[in-house]
Amino acid sequence: MLAYGRPHVAVEDYNGNVFVMGLEHGAEVTGGTIVTGAAMADLSGYTLSFSAQEVKPANFVDSPTASDPYAGMSSATVTVTSGSDF
């Protein structure tokens, strides 16, 4: 579903800051891989690469939370659906 359309992507860095990638024009999935690790701590999952071209740098969100990364933005809403809704 992420590869369909041009989603707005919330990115959290290692310092806990959240910024929005593709706020005006959306982001595009430009690549990805399926990874299977050998050890218990290795990644077994997917990696996706996103690209976005905007006029302004990425906007940081004022008060993000783990359940709502867009909590600091008045113009954004979050819709959570289960896998069976797709």
PDB file of N, CA and C in Angstrom:
ATOM      1  N   MET A   1       0.823  -1.189   0.000  1.00  0.00           N
ATOM      2  CA  MET A   1       0.000   0.000   0.000  1.00  0.00           C
ATOM      3  C   MET A   1       0.869   1.256   0.000  1.00  0.00           C
ATOM      4  N   LEU A   2       2.079   1.194   0.578  1.00  0.00           N
ATOM      5  CA  LEU A   2       2.945   2.365   0.582  1.00  0.00           C
ATOM      6  C   LEU A   2       3.443   2.705  -0.820  1.00  0.00           C
ATOM      7  N   ALA A   3       3.626   1.701  -1.652  1.00  0.00           N
ATOM      8  CA  ALA A   3       4.142   1.930  -2.992  1.00  0.00           C
ATOM      9  C   ALA A   3       3.065   2.482  -3.926  1.00  0.00           C
ATOM     10  N   TYR A   4       1.825   2.443  -3.520  1.00  0.00           N
ATOM     11  CA  TYR A   4       0.729   2.960  -4.322  1.00  0.00           C
ATOM     12  C   TYR A   4       0.519   4.426  -3.964  1.00  0.00           C
ATOM     13  N   GLY A   5       0.562   5.305  -4.914  1.00  0.00           N
ATOM     14  CA  GLY A   5       0.356   6.724  -4.646  1.00  0.00           C
ATOM     15  C   GLY A   5       1.635   7.385  -4.150  1.00  0.00           C
ATOM     16  N   ARG A   6       1.480   8.509  -3.492  1.00  0.00           N
ATOM     17  CA  ARG A   6       2.607   9.290  -2.979  1.00  0.00           C
ATOM     18  C   ARG A   6       2.315   9.621  -1.516  1.00  0.00           C
ATOM     19  N   PRO A   7       2.688   8.740  -0.591  1.00  0.00           N
ATOM     20  CA  PRO A   7       2.347   8.939   0.823  1.00  0.00           C
ATOM     21  C   PRO A   7       3.176  10.044   1.480  1.00  0.00           C
ATOM     22  N   HIS A   8       2.665  10.566   2.573  1.00  0.00           N
ATOM     23  CA  HIS A   8       3.412  11.441   3.459  1.00  0.00           C
ATOM     24  C   HIS A   8       4.035  10.513   4.499  1.00  0.00           C
ATOM     25  N   VAL A   9       5.325  10.631   4.737  1.00  0.00           N
ATOM     26  CA  VAL A   9       6.037   9.681   5.584  1.00  0.00           C
ATOM     27  C   VAL A   9       6.562  10.387   6.823  1.00  0.00           C
ATOM     28  N   ALA A  10       6.211   9.872   8.002  1.00  0.00           N
ATOM     29  CA  ALA A  10       6.762  10.377   9.263  1.00  0.00           C
ATOM     30  C   ALA A  10       8.036   9.598   9.556  1.00  0.00           C
ATOM     31  N   VAL A  11       9.139  10.318   9.734  1.00  0.00           N
ATOM     32  CA  VAL A  11      10.440   9.708   9.989  1.00  0.00           C
ATOM     33  C   VAL A  11      10.895  10.097  11.376  1.00  0.00           C
ATOM     34  N   GLU A  12      11.254   9.104  12.199  1.00  0.00           N
ATOM     35  CA  GLU A  12      11.781   9.370  13.540  1.00  0.00           C
ATOM     36  C   GLU A  12      13.273   9.086  13.543  1.00  0.00           C
ATOM     37  N   ASP A  13      14.071  10.064  13.977  1.00  0.00           N
ATOM     38  CA  ASP A  13      15.516   9.861  14.037  1.00  0.00           C
ATOM     39  C   ASP A  13      15.914   9.276  15.400  1.00  0.00           C
ATOM     40  N   TYR A  14      17.208   9.020  15.588  1.00  0.00           N
ATOM     41  CA  TYR A  14      17.671   8.406  16.830  1.00  0.00           C
ATOM     42  C   TYR A  14      17.529   9.315  18.041  1.00  0.00           C
ATOM     43  N   ASN A  15      17.297  10.609  17.842  1.00  0.00           N
ATOM     44  CA  ASN A  15      17.115  11.548  18.942  1.00  0.00           C
ATOM     45  C   ASN A  15      15.653  11.715  19.317  1.00  0.00           C
ATOM     46  N   GLY A  16      14.762  10.974  18.672  1.00  0.00           N
ATOM     47  CA  GLY A  16      13.341  11.062  18.978  1.00  0.00           C
ATOM     48  C   GLY A  16      12.624  12.179  18.233  1.00  0.00           C
ATOM     49  N   ASN A  17      13.322  12.891  17.343  1.00  0.00           N
ATOM     50  CA  ASN A  17      12.684  13.930  16.535  1.00  0.00           C
ATOM     51  C   ASN A  17      11.912  13.273  15.396  1.00  0.00           C
ATOM     52  N   VAL A  18      10.766  13.847  15.073  1.00  0.00           N
ATOM     53  CA  VAL A  18       9.954  13.334  13.967  1.00  0.00           C
ATOM     54  C   VAL A  18       9.813  14.438  12.928  1.00  0.00           C
ATOM     55  N   PHE A  19      10.055  14.108  11.680  1.00  0.00           N
ATOM     56  CA  PHE A  19       9.808  15.065  10.606  1.00  0.00           C
ATOM     57  C   PHE A  19       9.002  14.378   9.515  1.00  0.00           C
ATOM     58  N   VAL A  20       8.347  15.198   8.703  1.00  0.00           N
ATOM     59  CA  VAL A  20       7.462  14.679   7.662  1.00  0.00           C
ATOM     60  C   VAL A  20       8.141  14.816   6.308  1.00  0.00           C
ATOM     61  N   MET A  21       8.257  13.705   5.639  1.00  0.00           N
ATOM     62  CA  MET A  21       8.859  13.651   4.311  1.00  0.00           C
ATOM     63  C   MET A  21       7.735  13.675   3.280  1.00  0.00           C
ATOM     64  N   GLY A  22       7.853  14.546   2.283  1.00  0.00           N
ATOM     65  CA  GLY A  22       6.835  14.616   1.235  1.00  0.00           C
ATOM     66  C   GLY A  22       5.572  15.318   1.666  1.00  0.00           C
ATOM     67  N   LEU A  23       5.696  16.374   2.469  1.00  0.00           N
ATOM     68  CA  LEU A  23       4.522  17.055   3.023  1.00  0.00           C
ATOM     69  C   LEU A  23       3.630  17.642   1.935  1.00  0.00           C
ATOM     70  N   GLU A  24       4.188  18.296   0.940  1.00  0.00           N
ATOM     71  CA  GLU A  24       3.390  18.935  -0.110  1.00  0.00           C
ATOM     72  C   GLU A  24       3.094  18.005  -1.285  1.00  0.00           C
ATOM     73  N   HIS A  25       4.099  17.302  -1.770  1.00  0.00           N
ATOM     74  CA  HIS A  25       3.940  16.518  -2.994  1.00  0.00           C
ATOM     75  C   HIS A  25       3.981  15.006  -2.770  1.00  0.00           C
ATOM     76  N   GLY A  26       4.144  14.576  -1.539  1.00  0.00           N
ATOM     77  CA  GLY A  26       4.207  13.156  -1.243  1.00  0.00           C
ATOM     78  C   GLY A  26       5.573  12.562  -1.545  1.00  0.00           C
ATOM     79  N   ALA A  27       5.782  11.358  -1.106  1.00  0.00           N
ATOM     80  CA  ALA A  27       7.036  10.641  -1.336  1.00  0.00           C
ATOM     81  C   ALA A  27       6.782   9.492  -2.302  1.00  0.00           C
ATOM     82  N   GLU A  28       7.851   8.982  -2.851  1.00  0.00           N
ATOM     83  CA  GLU A  28       7.746   7.884  -3.805  1.00  0.00           C
ATOM     84  C   GLU A  28       8.654   6.749  -3.348  1.00  0.00           C
ATOM     85  N   VAL A  29       8.160   5.528  -3.413  1.00  0.00           N
ATOM     86  CA  VAL A  29       9.003   4.374  -3.108  1.00  0.00           C
ATOM     87  C   VAL A  29       9.923   4.155  -4.296  1.00  0.00           C
ATOM     88  N   THR A  30      11.244   4.236  -4.045  1.00  0.00           N
ATOM     89  CA  THR A  30      12.211   4.134  -5.142  1.00  0.00           C
ATOM     90  C   THR A  30      12.982   2.820  -5.121  1.00  0.00           C
ATOM     91  N   GLY A  31      12.783   2.000  -4.107  1.00  0.00           N
ATOM     92  CA  GLY A  31      13.475   0.717  -4.052  1.00  0.00           C
ATOM     93  C   GLY A  31      13.153   0.005  -2.757  1.00  0.00           C
ATOM     94  N   GLY A  32      13.623  -1.210  -2.661  1.00  0.00           N
ATOM     95  CA  GLY A  32      13.401  -1.968  -1.442  1.00  0.00           C
ATOM     96  C   GLY A  32      13.987  -3.362  -1.557  1.00  0.00           C
ATOM     97  N   THR A  33      14.096  -4.009  -0.411  1.00  0.00           N
ATOM     98  CA  THR A  33      14.625  -5.369  -0.375  1.00  0.00           C
ATOM     99  C   THR A  33      13.854  -6.186   0.648  1.00  0.00           C
ATOM    100  N   ILE A  34      13.952  -7.483   0.511  1.00  0.00           N
ATOM    101  CA  ILE A  34      13.456  -8.415   1.521  1.00  0.00           C
ATOM    102  C   ILE A  34      14.690  -9.007   2.181  1.00  0.00           C
ATOM    103  N   VAL A  35      14.749  -8.913   3.498  1.00  0.00           N
ATOM    104  CA  VAL A  35      15.936  -9.325   4.241  1.00  0.00           C
ATOM    105  C   VAL A  35      15.567 -10.454   5.196  1.00  0.00           C
ATOM    106  N   THR A  36      16.368 -11.513   5.201  1.00  0.00           N
ATOM    107  CA  THR A  36      16.200 -12.579   6.188  1.00  0.00           C
ATOM    108  C   THR A  36      17.524 -12.753   6.910  1.00  0.00           C
ATOM    109  N   GLY A  37      17.495 -12.613   8.217  1.00  0.00           N
ATOM    110  CA  GLY A  37      18.708 -12.733   9.009  1.00  0.00           C
ATOM    111  C   GLY A  37      18.907 -14.142   9.513  1.00  0.00           C
ATOM    112  N   ALA A  38      20.140 -14.442   9.931  1.00  0.00           N
ATOM    113  CA  ALA A  38      20.471 -15.769  10.440  1.00  0.00           C
ATOM    114  C   ALA A  38      20.345 -15.831  11.960  1.00  0.00           C
ATOM    115  N   ALA A  39      20.791 -14.781  12.645  1.00  0.00           N
ATOM    116  CA  ALA A  39      20.755 -14.762  14.109  1.00  0.00           C
ATOM    117  C   ALA A  39      19.431 -14.165  14.593  1.00  0.00           C
ATOM    118  N   MET A  40      19.116 -14.384  15.882  1.00  0.00           N
ATOM    119  CA  MET A  40      17.866 -13.919  16.463  1.00  0.00           C
ATOM    120  C   MET A  40      17.742 -12.395  16.374  1.00  0.00           C
ATOM    121  N   ALA A  41      18.830 -11.656  16.518  1.00  0.00           N
ATOM    122  CA  ALA A  41      18.784 -10.189  16.512  1.00  0.00           C
ATOM    123  C   ALA A  41      18.860  -9.599  15.107  1.00  0.00           C
ATOM    124  N   ASP A  42      19.038 -10.417  14.084  1.00  0.00           N
ATOM    125  CA  ASP A  42      19.124  -9.927  12.714  1.00  0.00           C
ATOM    126  C   ASP A  42      17.737  -9.549  12.192  1.00  0.00           C
ATOM    127  N   LEU A  43      17.715  -8.640  11.243  1.00  0.00           N
ATOM    128  CA  LEU A  43      16.460  -8.225  10.633  1.00  0.00           C
ATOM    129  C   LEU A  43      15.907  -9.324   9.740  1.00  0.00           C
ATOM    130  N   SER A  44      14.650  -9.626   9.936  1.00  0.00           N
ATOM    131  CA  SER A  44      13.896 -10.452   8.995  1.00  0.00           C
ATOM    132  C   SER A  44      12.679  -9.632   8.623  1.00  0.00           C
ATOM    133  N   GLY A  45      12.734  -8.991   7.475  1.00  0.00           N
ATOM    134  CA  GLY A  45      11.640  -8.107   7.089  1.00  0.00           C
ATOM    135  C   GLY A  45      11.938  -7.406   5.790  1.00  0.00           C
ATOM    136  N   TYR A  46      11.383  -6.230   5.649  1.00  0.00           N
ATOM    137  CA  TYR A  46      11.486  -5.457   4.425  1.00  0.00           C
ATOM    138  C   TYR A  46      12.199  -4.138   4.700  1.00  0.00           C
ATOM    139  N   THR A  47      12.951  -3.652   3.740  1.00  0.00           N
ATOM    140  CA  THR A  47      13.483  -2.296   3.785  1.00  0.00           C
ATOM    141  C   THR A  47      12.966  -1.570   2.552  1.00  0.00           C
ATOM    142  N   LEU A  48      12.517  -0.338   2.734  1.00  0.00           N
ATOM    143  CA  LEU A  48      12.014   0.468   1.635  1.00  0.00           C
ATOM    144  C   LEU A  48      12.805   1.757   1.559  1.00  0.00           C
ATOM    145  N   SER A  49      13.041   2.235   0.362  1.00  0.00           N
ATOM    146  CA  SER A  49      13.699   3.524   0.144  1.00  0.00           C
ATOM    147  C   SER A  49      12.669   4.493  -0.420  1.00  0.00           C
ATOM    148  N   PHE A  50      12.581   5.672   0.207  1.00  0.00           N
ATOM    149  CA  PHE A  50      11.655   6.707  -0.240  1.00  0.00           C
ATOM    150  C   PHE A  50      12.429   7.900  -0.748  1.00  0.00           C
ATOM    151  N   SER A  51      11.849   8.597  -1.703  1.00  0.00           N
ATOM    152  CA  SER A  51      12.435   9.821  -2.243  1.00  0.00           C
ATOM    153  C   SER A  51      11.327  10.857  -2.346  1.00  0.00           C
ATOM    154  N   ALA A  52      11.643  12.117  -2.000  1.00  0.00           N
ATOM    155  CA  ALA A  52      10.673  13.202  -2.109  1.00  0.00           C
ATOM    156  C   ALA A  52      11.387  14.465  -2.541  1.00  0.00           C
ATOM    157  N   GLN A  53      10.744  15.246  -3.384  1.00  0.00           N
ATOM    158  CA  GLN A  53      11.288  16.530  -3.811  1.00  0.00           C
ATOM    159  C   GLN A  53      10.321  17.619  -3.376  1.00  0.00           C
ATOM    160  N   GLU A  54      10.813  18.499  -2.521  1.00  0.00           N
ATOM    161  CA  GLU A  54      10.004  19.579  -1.981  1.00  0.00           C
ATOM    162  C   GLU A  54      10.732  20.905  -2.145  1.00  0.00           C
ATOM    163  N   VAL A  55       9.997  21.989  -2.088  1.00  0.00           N
ATOM    164  CA  VAL A  55      10.589  23.318  -2.165  1.00  0.00           C
ATOM    165  C   VAL A  55      11.296  23.666  -0.850  1.00  0.00           C
ATOM    166  N   LYS A  56      10.701  23.257   0.271  1.00  0.00           N
ATOM    167  CA  LYS A  56      11.236  23.555   1.599  1.00  0.00           C
ATOM    168  C   LYS A  56      11.814  22.285   2.223  1.00  0.00           C
ATOM    169  N   PRO A  57      12.736  22.446   3.189  1.00  0.00           N
ATOM    170  CA  PRO A  57      13.235  21.271   3.917  1.00  0.00           C
ATOM    171  C   PRO A  57      12.098  20.578   4.688  1.00  0.00           C
ATOM    172  N   ALA A  58      12.342  19.349   5.107  1.00  0.00           N
ATOM    173  CA  ALA A  58      11.327  18.577   5.838  1.00  0.00           C
ATOM    174  C   ALA A  58      10.905  19.311   7.102  1.00  0.00           C
ATOM    175  N   ASN A  59       9.607  19.279   7.403  1.00  0.00           N
ATOM    176  CA  ASN A  59       9.065  19.936   8.593  1.00  0.00           C
ATOM    177  C   ASN A  59       9.171  19.016   9.792  1.00  0.00           C
ATOM    178  N   PHE A  60       9.690  19.550  10.899  1.00  0.00           N
ATOM    179  CA  PHE A  60       9.712  18.796  12.140  1.00  0.00           C
ATOM    180  C   PHE A  60       8.357  18.925  12.821  1.00  0.00           C
ATOM    181  N   VAL A  61       7.913  17.875  13.482  1.00  0.00           N
ATOM    182  CA  VAL A  61       6.646  17.853  14.198  1.00  0.00           C
ATOM    183  C   VAL A  61       6.911  18.263  15.635  1.00  0.00           C
ATOM    184  N   ASP A  62       6.051  19.159  16.192  1.00  0.00           N
ATOM    185  CA  ASP A  62       6.280  19.714  17.522  1.00  0.00           C
ATOM    186  C   ASP A  62       6.150  18.711  18.663  1.00  0.00           C
ATOM    187  N   SER A  63       5.083  17.946  18.708  1.00  0.00           N
ATOM    188  CA  SER A  63       4.814  17.077  19.857  1.00  0.00           C
ATOM    189  C   SER A  63       4.398  15.681  19.428  1.00  0.00           C
ATOM    190  N   PRO A  64       5.276  14.939  18.765  1.00  0.00           N
ATOM    191  CA  PRO A  64       4.873  13.606  18.301  1.00  0.00           C
ATOM    192  C   PRO A  64       4.769  12.614  19.451  1.00  0.00           C
ATOM    193  N   THR A  65       3.940  11.611  19.271  1.00  0.00           N
ATOM    194  CA  THR A  65       3.862  10.505  20.208  1.00  0.00           C
ATOM    195  C   THR A  65       4.029   9.214  19.412  1.00  0.00           C
ATOM    196  N   ALA A  66       4.292   8.126  20.101  1.00  0.00           N
ATOM    197  CA  ALA A  66       4.480   6.849  19.404  1.00  0.00           C
ATOM    198  C   ALA A  66       3.210   6.420  18.690  1.00  0.00           C
ATOM    199  N   SER A  67       2.054   6.681  19.275  1.00  0.00           N
ATOM    200  CA  SER A  67       0.798   6.263  18.647  1.00  0.00           C
ATOM    201  C   SER A  67       0.308   7.237  17.585  1.00  0.00           C
ATOM    202  N   ASP A  68       0.754   8.507  17.638  1.00  0.00           N
ATOM    203  CA  ASP A  68       0.334   9.507  16.663  1.00  0.00           C
ATOM    204  C   ASP A  68       1.516  10.400  16.299  1.00  0.00           C
ATOM    205  N   PRO A  69       2.320  10.015  15.305  1.00  0.00           N
ATOM    206  CA  PRO A  69       3.497  10.806  14.946  1.00  0.00           C
ATOM    207  C   PRO A  69       3.149  12.188  14.403  1.00  0.00           C
ATOM    208  N   TYR A  70       1.886  12.421  14.038  1.00  0.00           N
ATOM    209  CA  TYR A  70       1.462  13.722  13.523  1.00  0.00           C
ATOM    210  C   TYR A  70       0.784  14.571  14.599  1.00  0.00           C
ATOM    211  N   ALA A  71       0.935  14.229  15.877  1.00  0.00           N
ATOM    212  CA  ALA A  71       0.227  14.912  16.964  1.00  0.00           C
ATOM    213  C   ALA A  71       0.498  16.409  16.999  1.00  0.00           C
ATOM    214  N   GLY A  72       1.656  16.869  16.578  1.00  0.00           N
ATOM    215  CA  GLY A  72       1.963  18.291  16.618  1.00  0.00           C
ATOM    216  C   GLY A  72       1.509  19.069  15.400  1.00  0.00           C
ATOM    217  N   MET A  73       0.840  18.423  14.470  1.00  0.00           N
ATOM    218  CA  MET A  73       0.414  19.099  13.240  1.00  0.00           C
ATOM    219  C   MET A  73      -1.098  19.251  13.228  1.00  0.00           C
ATOM    220  N   SER A  74      -1.569  20.486  13.054  1.00  0.00           N
ATOM    221  CA  SER A  74      -3.010  20.723  13.060  1.00  0.00           C
ATOM    222  C   SER A  74      -3.685  20.271  11.771  1.00  0.00           C
ATOM    223  N   SER A  75      -2.929  20.146  10.681  1.00  0.00           N
ATOM    224  CA  SER A  75      -3.542  19.816   9.396  1.00  0.00           C
ATOM    225  C   SER A  75      -3.480  18.337   9.047  1.00  0.00           C
ATOM    226  N   ALA A  76      -2.950  17.496   9.942  1.00  0.00           N
ATOM    227  CA  ALA A  76      -2.799  16.074   9.615  1.00  0.00           C
ATOM    228  C   ALA A  76      -3.708  15.219  10.482  1.00  0.00           C
ATOM    229  N   THR A  77      -4.159  14.128   9.911  1.00  0.00           N
ATOM    230  CA  THR A  77      -4.920  13.138  10.666  1.00  0.00           C
ATOM    231  C   THR A  77      -4.305  11.771  10.418  1.00  0.00           C
ATOM    232  N   VAL A  78      -4.461  10.885  11.377  1.00  0.00           N
ATOM    233  CA  VAL A  78      -3.928   9.531  11.259  1.00  0.00           C
ATOM    234  C   VAL A  78      -5.091   8.565  11.211  1.00  0.00           C
ATOM    235  N   THR A  79      -5.086   7.685  10.235  1.00  0.00           N
ATOM    236  CA  THR A  79      -6.106   6.649  10.121  1.00  0.00           C
ATOM    237  C   THR A  79      -5.416   5.304  10.212  1.00  0.00           C
ATOM    238  N   VAL A  80      -5.804   4.503  11.193  1.00  0.00           N
ATOM    239  CA  VAL A  80      -5.205   3.191  11.390  1.00  0.00           C
ATOM    240  C   VAL A  80      -6.208   2.149  10.940  1.00  0.00           C
ATOM    241  N   THR A  81      -5.764   1.244  10.062  1.00  0.00           N
ATOM    242  CA  THR A  81      -6.621   0.169   9.597  1.00  0.00           C
ATOM    243  C   THR A  81      -5.920  -1.151   9.844  1.00  0.00           C
ATOM    244  N   SER A  82      -6.693  -2.192   9.960  1.00  0.00           N
ATOM    245  CA  SER A  82      -6.097  -3.519  10.126  1.00  0.00           C
ATOM    246  C   SER A  82      -5.791  -4.097   8.754  1.00  0.00           C
ATOM    247  N   GLY A  83      -4.984  -5.143   8.730  1.00  0.00           N
ATOM    248  CA  GLY A  83      -4.596  -5.773   7.476  1.00  0.00           C
ATOM    249  C   GLY A  83      -5.770  -6.292   6.676  1.00  0.00           C
ATOM    250  N   SER A  84      -6.865  -6.644   7.353  1.00  0.00           N
ATOM    251  CA  SER A  84      -8.027  -7.183   6.643  1.00  0.00           C
ATOM    252  C   SER A  84      -8.816  -6.096   5.909  1.00  0.00           C
ATOM    253  N   ASP A  85      -8.512  -4.804   6.201  1.00  0.00           N
ATOM    254  CA  ASP A  85      -9.246  -3.714   5.558  1.00  0.00           C
ATOM    255  C   ASP A  85      -8.697  -3.381   4.178  1.00  0.00           C
ATOM    256  N   PHE A  86      -7.586  -3.991   3.766  1.00  0.00           N
ATOM    257  CA  PHE A  86      -6.987  -3.614   2.485  1.00  0.00           C
ATOM    258  C   PHE A  86      -7.607  -4.349   1.373  1.00  0.00           C
TER     259      PHE A  86
END
